Amino acid sequence: MIKSIQIYLDTSVINFLFADDSPEKKELTIELFSRFIKTGFYESFISDFVIAEIEQTPDEEKKNKLLKVVEEYSLTLIDLTNRNEIEELAGKYMAAGIIPEKKYLDALHIATAVTKQIPYLVSWNYKHLANINKEHQVRIINMANNYIHDFRIITPFELMDYGN
């Protein structure tokens, strides 16, 4: 039996389930969740950092919808016993200028996936995460710090396996 692929979802992916202002991304995200996450095609992880971002949502109704997604789709909450390692690596991404200091949680998402050896960080955040330049810069920092396993930062679109 083939082991399912592990993915780490950042908060943007969950948010786009409700993005009425971006119907194409919303539709694709809904399909990702219904066809690939709910069915277990991908082993899907989030962290306390995702929950922290959701908790910052000022609109109570939206916040509750986002938290319900975590429960409804049984997204696995990663054990962060290596939090110091995660924070140290996130700090290196920021020190290298890859992630701005105001976007510390984005750096934490990357570091969480990398230190837990989850091969794919999935995001709709093109500016700070899901672009080839950021991925290349992250790879350089990772290799310099002995994180040499495969790691990609991709969009939900790249996960759609229509052949299955």
N, C-alpha and C. Protein backbone atom coordinates (compact mmCIF):
# COMPACT_ATOMS: atom_id res chain seq x y z
N MET A 1 0.84 -1.19 0.00
CA MET A 1 0.00 0.00 0.00
C MET A 1 0.88 1.25 0.00
N ILE A 2 0.53 2.22 -0.81
CA ILE A 2 1.27 3.47 -0.89
C ILE A 2 0.84 4.38 0.26
N LYS A 3 1.84 4.92 0.95
CA LYS A 3 1.57 5.84 2.05
C LYS A 3 1.04 7.15 1.48
N SER A 4 0.04 7.73 2.14
CA SER A 4 -0.51 9.00 1.64
C SER A 4 0.51 10.12 1.84
N ILE A 5 0.40 11.12 1.01
CA ILE A 5 1.31 12.26 1.05
C ILE A 5 0.91 13.18 2.20
N GLN A 6 1.91 13.64 2.94
CA GLN A 6 1.67 14.54 4.06
C GLN A 6 1.75 15.99 3.57
N ILE A 7 0.79 16.79 4.03
CA ILE A 7 0.76 18.21 3.70
C ILE A 7 0.50 19.01 4.97
N TYR A 8 1.07 20.20 5.01
CA TYR A 8 0.81 21.15 6.08
C TYR A 8 0.04 22.31 5.47
N LEU A 9 -1.13 22.59 6.02
CA LEU A 9 -1.98 23.67 5.51
C LEU A 9 -1.76 24.93 6.34
N ASP A 10 -1.42 26.02 5.67
CA ASP A 10 -1.36 27.28 6.41
C ASP A 10 -2.78 27.85 6.49
N THR A 11 -2.93 28.92 7.21
CA THR A 11 -4.25 29.48 7.49
C THR A 11 -4.95 29.98 6.23
N SER A 12 -4.18 30.44 5.25
CA SER A 12 -4.80 30.99 4.04
C SER A 12 -5.66 29.95 3.33
N VAL A 13 -5.25 28.70 3.37
CA VAL A 13 -6.01 27.65 2.68
C VAL A 13 -7.38 27.49 3.33
N ILE A 14 -7.42 27.46 4.63
CA ILE A 14 -8.69 27.33 5.34
C ILE A 14 -9.55 28.57 5.09
N ASN A 15 -8.94 29.74 5.11
CA ASN A 15 -9.66 30.99 4.86
C ASN A 15 -10.34 31.01 3.50
N PHE A 16 -9.69 30.44 2.50
CA PHE A 16 -10.26 30.51 1.15
C PHE A 16 -11.48 29.61 0.96
N LEU A 17 -11.81 28.80 1.93
CA LEU A 17 -13.08 28.06 1.87
C LEU A 17 -14.25 29.04 1.92
N PHE A 18 -14.00 30.25 2.42
CA PHE A 18 -15.06 31.24 2.62
C PHE A 18 -14.76 32.54 1.87
N ALA A 19 -13.89 32.50 0.88
CA ALA A 19 -13.45 33.71 0.18
C ALA A 19 -14.40 34.05 -0.97
N ASP A 20 -15.50 34.68 -0.64
CA ASP A 20 -16.49 35.05 -1.67
C ASP A 20 -15.92 36.05 -2.67
N ASP A 21 -14.89 36.77 -2.28
CA ASP A 21 -14.29 37.76 -3.18
C ASP A 21 -13.30 37.13 -4.17
N SER A 22 -13.08 35.84 -4.05
CA SER A 22 -12.18 35.13 -4.97
C SER A 22 -12.81 33.77 -5.32
N PRO A 23 -13.88 33.80 -6.15
CA PRO A 23 -14.66 32.58 -6.39
C PRO A 23 -13.87 31.41 -6.97
N GLU A 24 -12.87 31.67 -7.82
CA GLU A 24 -12.13 30.56 -8.42
C GLU A 24 -11.29 29.83 -7.37
N LYS A 25 -10.60 30.62 -6.53
CA LYS A 25 -9.79 30.00 -5.48
C LYS A 25 -10.68 29.32 -4.44
N LYS A 26 -11.81 29.94 -4.14
CA LYS A 26 -12.75 29.35 -3.19
C LYS A 26 -13.22 27.99 -3.71
N GLU A 27 -13.62 27.94 -4.96
CA GLU A 27 -14.12 26.70 -5.56
C GLU A 27 -13.04 25.61 -5.55
N LEU A 28 -11.83 25.98 -5.91
CA LEU A 28 -10.72 25.02 -5.92
C LEU A 28 -10.42 24.53 -4.51
N THR A 29 -10.47 25.42 -3.54
CA THR A 29 -10.21 25.05 -2.15
C THR A 29 -11.29 24.12 -1.62
N ILE A 30 -12.53 24.40 -1.95
CA ILE A 30 -13.63 23.52 -1.53
C ILE A 30 -13.43 22.14 -2.14
N GLU A 31 -13.05 22.08 -3.40
CA GLU A 31 -12.80 20.79 -4.06
C GLU A 31 -11.63 20.06 -3.40
N LEU A 32 -10.57 20.78 -3.07
CA LEU A 32 -9.43 20.16 -2.38
C LEU A 32 -9.88 19.51 -1.09
N PHE A 33 -10.66 20.23 -0.30
CA PHE A 33 -11.11 19.70 0.98
C PHE A 33 -12.06 18.52 0.80
N SER A 34 -13.00 18.62 -0.13
CA SER A 34 -14.00 17.55 -0.27
C SER A 34 -13.43 16.30 -0.94
N ARG A 35 -12.59 16.46 -1.97
CA ARG A 35 -12.11 15.30 -2.71
C ARG A 35 -10.81 14.71 -2.19
N PHE A 36 -9.97 15.53 -1.55
CA PHE A 36 -8.64 15.06 -1.22
C PHE A 36 -8.30 15.07 0.27
N ILE A 37 -8.86 16.01 1.01
CA ILE A 37 -8.55 16.06 2.44
C ILE A 37 -9.56 15.21 3.22
N LYS A 38 -10.84 15.41 2.96
CA LYS A 38 -11.87 14.65 3.68
C LYS A 38 -11.73 13.14 3.44
N THR A 39 -11.30 12.77 2.24
CA THR A 39 -11.18 11.35 1.89
C THR A 39 -9.88 10.72 2.39
N GLY A 40 -8.97 11.55 2.91
CA GLY A 40 -7.70 11.02 3.39
C GLY A 40 -6.67 10.81 2.30
N PHE A 41 -6.95 11.29 1.09
CA PHE A 41 -5.98 11.18 0.01
C PHE A 41 -4.67 11.83 0.43
N TYR A 42 -4.77 12.97 1.13
CA TYR A 42 -3.61 13.62 1.73
C TYR A 42 -3.74 13.54 3.24
N GLU A 43 -2.64 13.27 3.91
CA GLU A 43 -2.60 13.32 5.37
C GLU A 43 -2.32 14.78 5.72
N SER A 44 -3.32 15.44 6.28
CA SER A 44 -3.30 16.89 6.40
C SER A 44 -3.04 17.35 7.83
N PHE A 45 -2.07 18.26 7.97
CA PHE A 45 -1.65 18.76 9.27
C PHE A 45 -1.81 20.27 9.35
N ILE A 46 -2.06 20.72 10.56
CA ILE A 46 -1.98 22.14 10.91
C ILE A 46 -1.24 22.20 12.24
N SER A 47 -0.98 23.42 12.70
CA SER A 47 -0.31 23.59 13.98
C SER A 47 -1.07 24.57 14.85
N ASP A 48 -0.59 24.72 16.08
CA ASP A 48 -1.16 25.74 16.96
C ASP A 48 -1.01 27.14 16.38
N PHE A 49 -0.05 27.30 15.47
CA PHE A 49 0.14 28.61 14.83
C PHE A 49 -1.04 28.93 13.92
N VAL A 50 -1.61 27.92 13.27
CA VAL A 50 -2.81 28.11 12.46
C VAL A 50 -3.98 28.50 13.37
N ILE A 51 -4.11 27.77 14.47
CA ILE A 51 -5.19 28.08 15.43
C ILE A 51 -5.02 29.50 15.96
N ALA A 52 -3.79 29.91 16.27
CA ALA A 52 -3.53 31.26 16.77
C ALA A 52 -3.96 32.31 15.74
N GLU A 53 -3.68 32.07 14.48
CA GLU A 53 -4.10 33.01 13.43
C GLU A 53 -5.62 33.07 13.33
N ILE A 54 -6.25 31.91 13.40
CA ILE A 54 -7.72 31.88 13.34
C ILE A 54 -8.30 32.64 14.53
N GLU A 55 -7.71 32.45 15.70
CA GLU A 55 -8.20 33.14 16.91
C GLU A 55 -8.09 34.65 16.79
N GLN A 56 -7.21 35.16 15.92
CA GLN A 56 -7.06 36.60 15.72
C GLN A 56 -8.14 37.17 14.80
N THR A 57 -8.97 36.32 14.22
CA THR A 57 -10.03 36.77 13.32
C THR A 57 -11.02 37.62 14.10
N PRO A 58 -11.19 38.89 13.73
CA PRO A 58 -12.07 39.77 14.50
C PRO A 58 -13.56 39.42 14.38
N ASP A 59 -13.97 38.88 13.26
CA ASP A 59 -15.37 38.52 13.04
C ASP A 59 -15.64 37.16 13.71
N GLU A 60 -16.43 37.19 14.78
CA GLU A 60 -16.71 35.97 15.57
C GLU A 60 -17.31 34.86 14.73
N GLU A 61 -18.26 35.21 13.87
CA GLU A 61 -18.92 34.20 13.04
C GLU A 61 -17.92 33.51 12.10
N LYS A 62 -17.07 34.31 11.47
CA LYS A 62 -16.06 33.74 10.57
C LYS A 62 -15.06 32.89 11.37
N LYS A 63 -14.65 33.39 12.52
CA LYS A 63 -13.71 32.64 13.35
C LYS A 63 -14.29 31.26 13.69
N ASN A 64 -15.55 31.22 14.06
CA ASN A 64 -16.19 29.95 14.40
C ASN A 64 -16.27 29.01 13.19
N LYS A 65 -16.53 29.58 12.01
CA LYS A 65 -16.56 28.77 10.79
C LYS A 65 -15.19 28.14 10.53
N LEU A 66 -14.14 28.95 10.68
CA LEU A 66 -12.78 28.46 10.45
C LEU A 66 -12.41 27.36 11.44
N LEU A 67 -12.75 27.56 12.70
CA LEU A 67 -12.46 26.54 13.72
C LEU A 67 -13.25 25.26 13.46
N LYS A 68 -14.48 25.41 12.94
CA LYS A 68 -15.30 24.24 12.63
C LYS A 68 -14.65 23.40 11.53
N VAL A 69 -13.99 24.06 10.57
CA VAL A 69 -13.30 23.34 9.49
C VAL A 69 -12.25 22.40 10.07
N VAL A 70 -11.52 22.89 11.06
CA VAL A 70 -10.46 22.08 11.69
C VAL A 70 -11.06 20.79 12.25
N GLU A 71 -12.20 20.91 12.90
CA GLU A 71 -12.88 19.73 13.47
C GLU A 71 -13.50 18.85 12.38
N GLU A 72 -14.24 19.48 11.50
CA GLU A 72 -15.01 18.75 10.48
C GLU A 72 -14.12 17.90 9.58
N TYR A 73 -12.95 18.40 9.27
CA TYR A 73 -12.06 17.68 8.35
C TYR A 73 -10.97 16.91 9.08
N SER A 74 -11.07 16.85 10.39
CA SER A 74 -10.11 16.10 11.21
C SER A 74 -8.67 16.41 10.83
N LEU A 75 -8.37 17.70 10.72
CA LEU A 75 -7.00 18.11 10.43
C LEU A 75 -6.14 17.79 11.65
N THR A 76 -5.04 17.12 11.44
CA THR A 76 -4.19 16.68 12.54
C THR A 76 -3.38 17.84 13.07
N LEU A 77 -3.49 18.07 14.36
CA LEU A 77 -2.72 19.11 15.02
C LEU A 77 -1.34 18.56 15.37
N ILE A 78 -0.32 19.20 14.84
CA ILE A 78 1.06 18.74 15.03
C ILE A 78 1.50 18.99 16.47
N ASP A 79 2.20 18.02 17.01
CA ASP A 79 2.80 18.15 18.33
C ASP A 79 4.01 19.09 18.22
N LEU A 80 4.01 20.16 18.98
CA LEU A 80 5.07 21.15 18.89
C LEU A 80 6.06 21.05 20.05
N THR A 81 6.42 19.84 20.42
CA THR A 81 7.39 19.67 21.49
C THR A 81 8.76 20.22 21.10
N ASN A 82 8.97 20.42 19.80
CA ASN A 82 10.23 21.00 19.32
C ASN A 82 10.08 22.49 19.03
N ARG A 83 9.27 23.16 19.80
CA ARG A 83 8.95 24.57 19.55
C ARG A 83 10.20 25.44 19.49
N ASN A 84 11.19 25.19 20.35
CA ASN A 84 12.42 26.00 20.32
C ASN A 84 13.13 25.86 18.98
N GLU A 85 13.18 24.63 18.46
CA GLU A 85 13.80 24.38 17.16
C GLU A 85 13.03 25.12 16.06
N ILE A 86 11.71 25.08 16.13
CA ILE A 86 10.86 25.76 15.15
C ILE A 86 11.11 27.26 15.19
N GLU A 87 11.11 27.83 16.39
CA GLU A 87 11.29 29.28 16.53
C GLU A 87 12.69 29.70 16.08
N GLU A 88 13.69 28.88 16.36
CA GLU A 88 15.05 29.20 15.93
C GLU A 88 15.16 29.22 14.39
N LEU A 89 14.57 28.20 13.74
CA LEU A 89 14.61 28.15 12.28
C LEU A 89 13.80 29.30 11.68
N ALA A 90 12.65 29.60 12.25
CA ALA A 90 11.83 30.72 11.78
C ALA A 90 12.62 32.03 11.88
N GLY A 91 13.36 32.18 12.95
CA GLY A 91 14.19 33.36 13.13
C GLY A 91 15.25 33.47 12.04
N LYS A 92 15.77 32.34 11.59
CA LYS A 92 16.78 32.35 10.53
C LYS A 92 16.17 32.79 9.20
N TYR A 93 14.92 32.40 8.94
CA TYR A 93 14.25 32.86 7.72
C TYR A 93 14.07 34.38 7.75
N MET A 94 13.73 34.90 8.92
CA MET A 94 13.54 36.34 9.03
C MET A 94 14.87 37.07 8.99
N ALA A 95 15.88 36.55 9.66
CA ALA A 95 17.20 37.19 9.65
C ALA A 95 17.77 37.26 8.24
N ALA A 96 17.44 36.27 7.41
CA ALA A 96 17.91 36.25 6.02
C ALA A 96 17.05 37.13 5.12
N GLY A 97 16.00 37.72 5.67
CA GLY A 97 15.14 38.61 4.89
C GLY A 97 14.14 37.88 4.00
N ILE A 98 13.97 36.59 4.22
CA ILE A 98 13.03 35.81 3.41
C ILE A 98 11.59 36.14 3.81
N ILE A 99 11.36 36.21 5.09
CA ILE A 99 10.03 36.52 5.63
C ILE A 99 10.15 37.79 6.47
N PRO A 100 9.30 38.79 6.23
CA PRO A 100 9.36 40.02 7.03
C PRO A 100 8.99 39.75 8.49
N GLU A 101 9.55 40.54 9.38
CA GLU A 101 9.29 40.34 10.82
C GLU A 101 7.81 40.42 11.16
N LYS A 102 7.05 41.25 10.43
CA LYS A 102 5.61 41.37 10.69
C LYS A 102 4.86 40.08 10.34
N LYS A 103 5.51 39.19 9.60
CA LYS A 103 4.87 37.95 9.17
C LYS A 103 5.50 36.74 9.87
N TYR A 104 5.79 36.89 11.15
CA TYR A 104 6.44 35.85 11.93
C TYR A 104 5.69 34.52 11.86
N LEU A 105 4.37 34.56 11.87
CA LEU A 105 3.61 33.31 11.80
C LEU A 105 3.86 32.57 10.49
N ASP A 106 4.08 33.29 9.41
CA ASP A 106 4.42 32.63 8.14
C ASP A 106 5.75 31.88 8.27
N ALA A 107 6.72 32.51 8.92
CA ALA A 107 8.01 31.85 9.15
C ALA A 107 7.82 30.62 10.03
N LEU A 108 6.94 30.72 11.00
CA LEU A 108 6.66 29.57 11.88
C LEU A 108 6.00 28.42 11.12
N HIS A 109 5.12 28.75 10.17
CA HIS A 109 4.50 27.70 9.36
C HIS A 109 5.57 26.94 8.57
N ILE A 110 6.47 27.67 7.94
CA ILE A 110 7.53 27.02 7.18
C ILE A 110 8.38 26.16 8.09
N ALA A 111 8.83 26.73 9.19
CA ALA A 111 9.72 26.01 10.10
C ALA A 111 9.05 24.78 10.70
N THR A 112 7.76 24.87 10.96
CA THR A 112 7.04 23.71 11.49
C THR A 112 7.05 22.57 10.48
N ALA A 113 6.67 22.87 9.25
CA ALA A 113 6.64 21.83 8.22
C ALA A 113 8.04 21.25 7.99
N VAL A 114 9.04 22.11 7.97
CA VAL A 114 10.41 21.65 7.71
C VAL A 114 10.91 20.76 8.85
N THR A 115 10.77 21.21 10.09
CA THR A 115 11.31 20.43 11.22
C THR A 115 10.54 19.13 11.43
N LYS A 116 9.29 19.10 11.03
CA LYS A 116 8.48 17.87 11.15
C LYS A 116 8.58 16.99 9.90
N GLN A 117 9.42 17.42 8.96
CA GLN A 117 9.66 16.69 7.71
C GLN A 117 8.40 16.41 6.92
N ILE A 118 7.51 17.39 6.90
CA ILE A 118 6.32 17.33 6.06
C ILE A 118 6.72 17.94 4.71
N PRO A 119 6.63 17.19 3.64
CA PRO A 119 7.22 17.64 2.38
C PRO A 119 6.54 18.81 1.69
N TYR A 120 5.28 19.11 2.04
CA TYR A 120 4.56 20.17 1.34
C TYR A 120 3.89 21.13 2.32
N LEU A 121 4.23 22.40 2.19
CA LEU A 121 3.50 23.46 2.86
C LEU A 121 2.56 24.02 1.81
N VAL A 122 1.27 24.01 2.09
CA VAL A 122 0.27 24.45 1.12
C VAL A 122 -0.27 25.81 1.55
N SER A 123 -0.24 26.75 0.60
CA SER A 123 -0.64 28.12 0.92
C SER A 123 -1.18 28.83 -0.32
N TRP A 124 -2.10 29.76 -0.08
CA TRP A 124 -2.54 30.68 -1.13
C TRP A 124 -1.78 32.00 -1.01
N ASN A 125 -0.84 32.10 -0.10
CA ASN A 125 -0.10 33.33 0.14
C ASN A 125 1.09 33.41 -0.82
N TYR A 126 0.85 34.02 -1.97
CA TYR A 126 1.90 34.13 -2.98
C TYR A 126 3.01 35.10 -2.56
N LYS A 127 2.66 36.13 -1.86
CA LYS A 127 3.63 37.18 -1.52
C LYS A 127 4.73 36.67 -0.59
N HIS A 128 4.35 35.96 0.47
CA HIS A 128 5.33 35.56 1.48
C HIS A 128 5.68 34.08 1.48
N LEU A 129 4.92 33.26 0.78
CA LEU A 129 5.19 31.82 0.87
C LEU A 129 5.24 31.13 -0.49
N ALA A 130 4.13 31.03 -1.15
CA ALA A 130 4.01 30.15 -2.33
C ALA A 130 4.51 30.82 -3.60
N ASN A 131 5.82 31.01 -3.65
CA ASN A 131 6.42 31.45 -4.90
C ASN A 131 7.83 30.87 -4.98
N ILE A 132 8.30 30.69 -6.18
CA ILE A 132 9.55 29.97 -6.42
C ILE A 132 10.74 30.65 -5.77
N ASN A 133 10.73 31.98 -5.71
CA ASN A 133 11.85 32.70 -5.11
C ASN A 133 11.94 32.44 -3.61
N LYS A 134 10.80 32.51 -2.92
CA LYS A 134 10.79 32.23 -1.48
C LYS A 134 11.19 30.78 -1.23
N GLU A 135 10.66 29.89 -2.03
CA GLU A 135 10.98 28.46 -1.86
C GLU A 135 12.49 28.23 -2.01
N HIS A 136 13.10 28.85 -2.99
CA HIS A 136 14.53 28.70 -3.23
C HIS A 136 15.33 29.24 -2.04
N GLN A 137 14.95 30.41 -1.55
CA GLN A 137 15.64 31.01 -0.40
C GLN A 137 15.48 30.15 0.85
N VAL A 138 14.30 29.61 1.06
CA VAL A 138 14.06 28.72 2.20
C VAL A 138 14.94 27.48 2.08
N ARG A 139 15.02 26.93 0.88
CA ARG A 139 15.83 25.73 0.65
C ARG A 139 17.30 25.98 1.03
N ILE A 140 17.81 27.16 0.71
CA ILE A 140 19.21 27.50 1.04
C ILE A 140 19.41 27.51 2.56
N ILE A 141 18.50 28.16 3.27
CA ILE A 141 18.59 28.20 4.75
C ILE A 141 18.45 26.78 5.31
N ASN A 142 17.52 26.01 4.77
CA ASN A 142 17.31 24.65 5.26
C ASN A 142 18.58 23.82 5.10
N MET A 143 19.17 23.87 3.92
CA MET A 143 20.37 23.07 3.67
C MET A 143 21.52 23.51 4.57
N ALA A 144 21.66 24.80 4.79
CA ALA A 144 22.72 25.32 5.66
C ALA A 144 22.54 24.88 7.10
N ASN A 145 21.30 24.47 7.44
CA ASN A 145 21.00 24.04 8.81
C ASN A 145 20.67 22.56 8.90
N ASN A 146 21.12 21.80 7.90
CA ASN A 146 20.99 20.33 7.89
C ASN A 146 19.56 19.81 7.74
N TYR A 147 18.67 20.60 7.19
CA TYR A 147 17.33 20.11 6.85
C TYR A 147 17.37 19.83 5.35
N ILE A 148 17.73 18.60 5.02
CA ILE A 148 18.03 18.28 3.62
C ILE A 148 16.95 17.44 2.93
N HIS A 149 15.85 17.17 3.62
CA HIS A 149 14.76 16.40 3.00
C HIS A 149 14.01 17.28 2.00
N ASP A 150 13.28 16.62 1.12
CA ASP A 150 12.48 17.34 0.12
C ASP A 150 11.48 18.24 0.81
N PHE A 151 11.35 19.45 0.32
CA PHE A 151 10.38 20.40 0.87
C PHE A 151 9.97 21.36 -0.23
N ARG A 152 8.65 21.54 -0.37
CA ARG A 152 8.09 22.45 -1.36
C ARG A 152 7.05 23.32 -0.70
N ILE A 153 6.91 24.54 -1.21
CA ILE A 153 5.83 25.44 -0.81
C ILE A 153 4.96 25.58 -2.05
N ILE A 154 3.74 25.08 -1.96
CA ILE A 154 2.88 24.98 -3.14
C ILE A 154 1.48 25.54 -2.87
N THR A 155 0.74 25.73 -3.93
CA THR A 155 -0.65 26.17 -3.81
C THR A 155 -1.57 24.96 -3.83
N PRO A 156 -2.81 25.13 -3.39
CA PRO A 156 -3.76 24.02 -3.48
C PRO A 156 -3.94 23.51 -4.90
N PHE A 157 -3.82 24.40 -5.89
CA PHE A 157 -3.96 23.99 -7.28
C PHE A 157 -2.99 22.86 -7.62
N GLU A 158 -1.79 22.92 -7.10
CA GLU A 158 -0.77 21.93 -7.39
C GLU A 158 -1.05 20.57 -6.75
N LEU A 159 -1.99 20.53 -5.84
CA LEU A 159 -2.34 19.26 -5.16
C LEU A 159 -3.47 18.51 -5.84
N MET A 160 -4.10 19.14 -6.79
CA MET A 160 -5.28 18.53 -7.40
C MET A 160 -4.84 17.39 -8.33
N ASP A 161 -5.07 16.19 -7.90
CA ASP A 161 -4.69 14.99 -8.66
C ASP A 161 -5.94 14.47 -9.33
N TYR A 162 -6.20 14.97 -10.51
CA TYR A 162 -7.44 14.63 -11.20
C TYR A 162 -7.43 13.22 -11.78
N GLY A 163 -6.28 12.57 -11.79
CA GLY A 163 -6.20 11.21 -12.31
C GLY A 163 -6.74 10.18 -11.33
N ASN A 164 -6.98 10.58 -10.07
CA ASN A 164 -7.45 9.63 -9.05
C ASN A 164 -8.83 10.00 -8.56
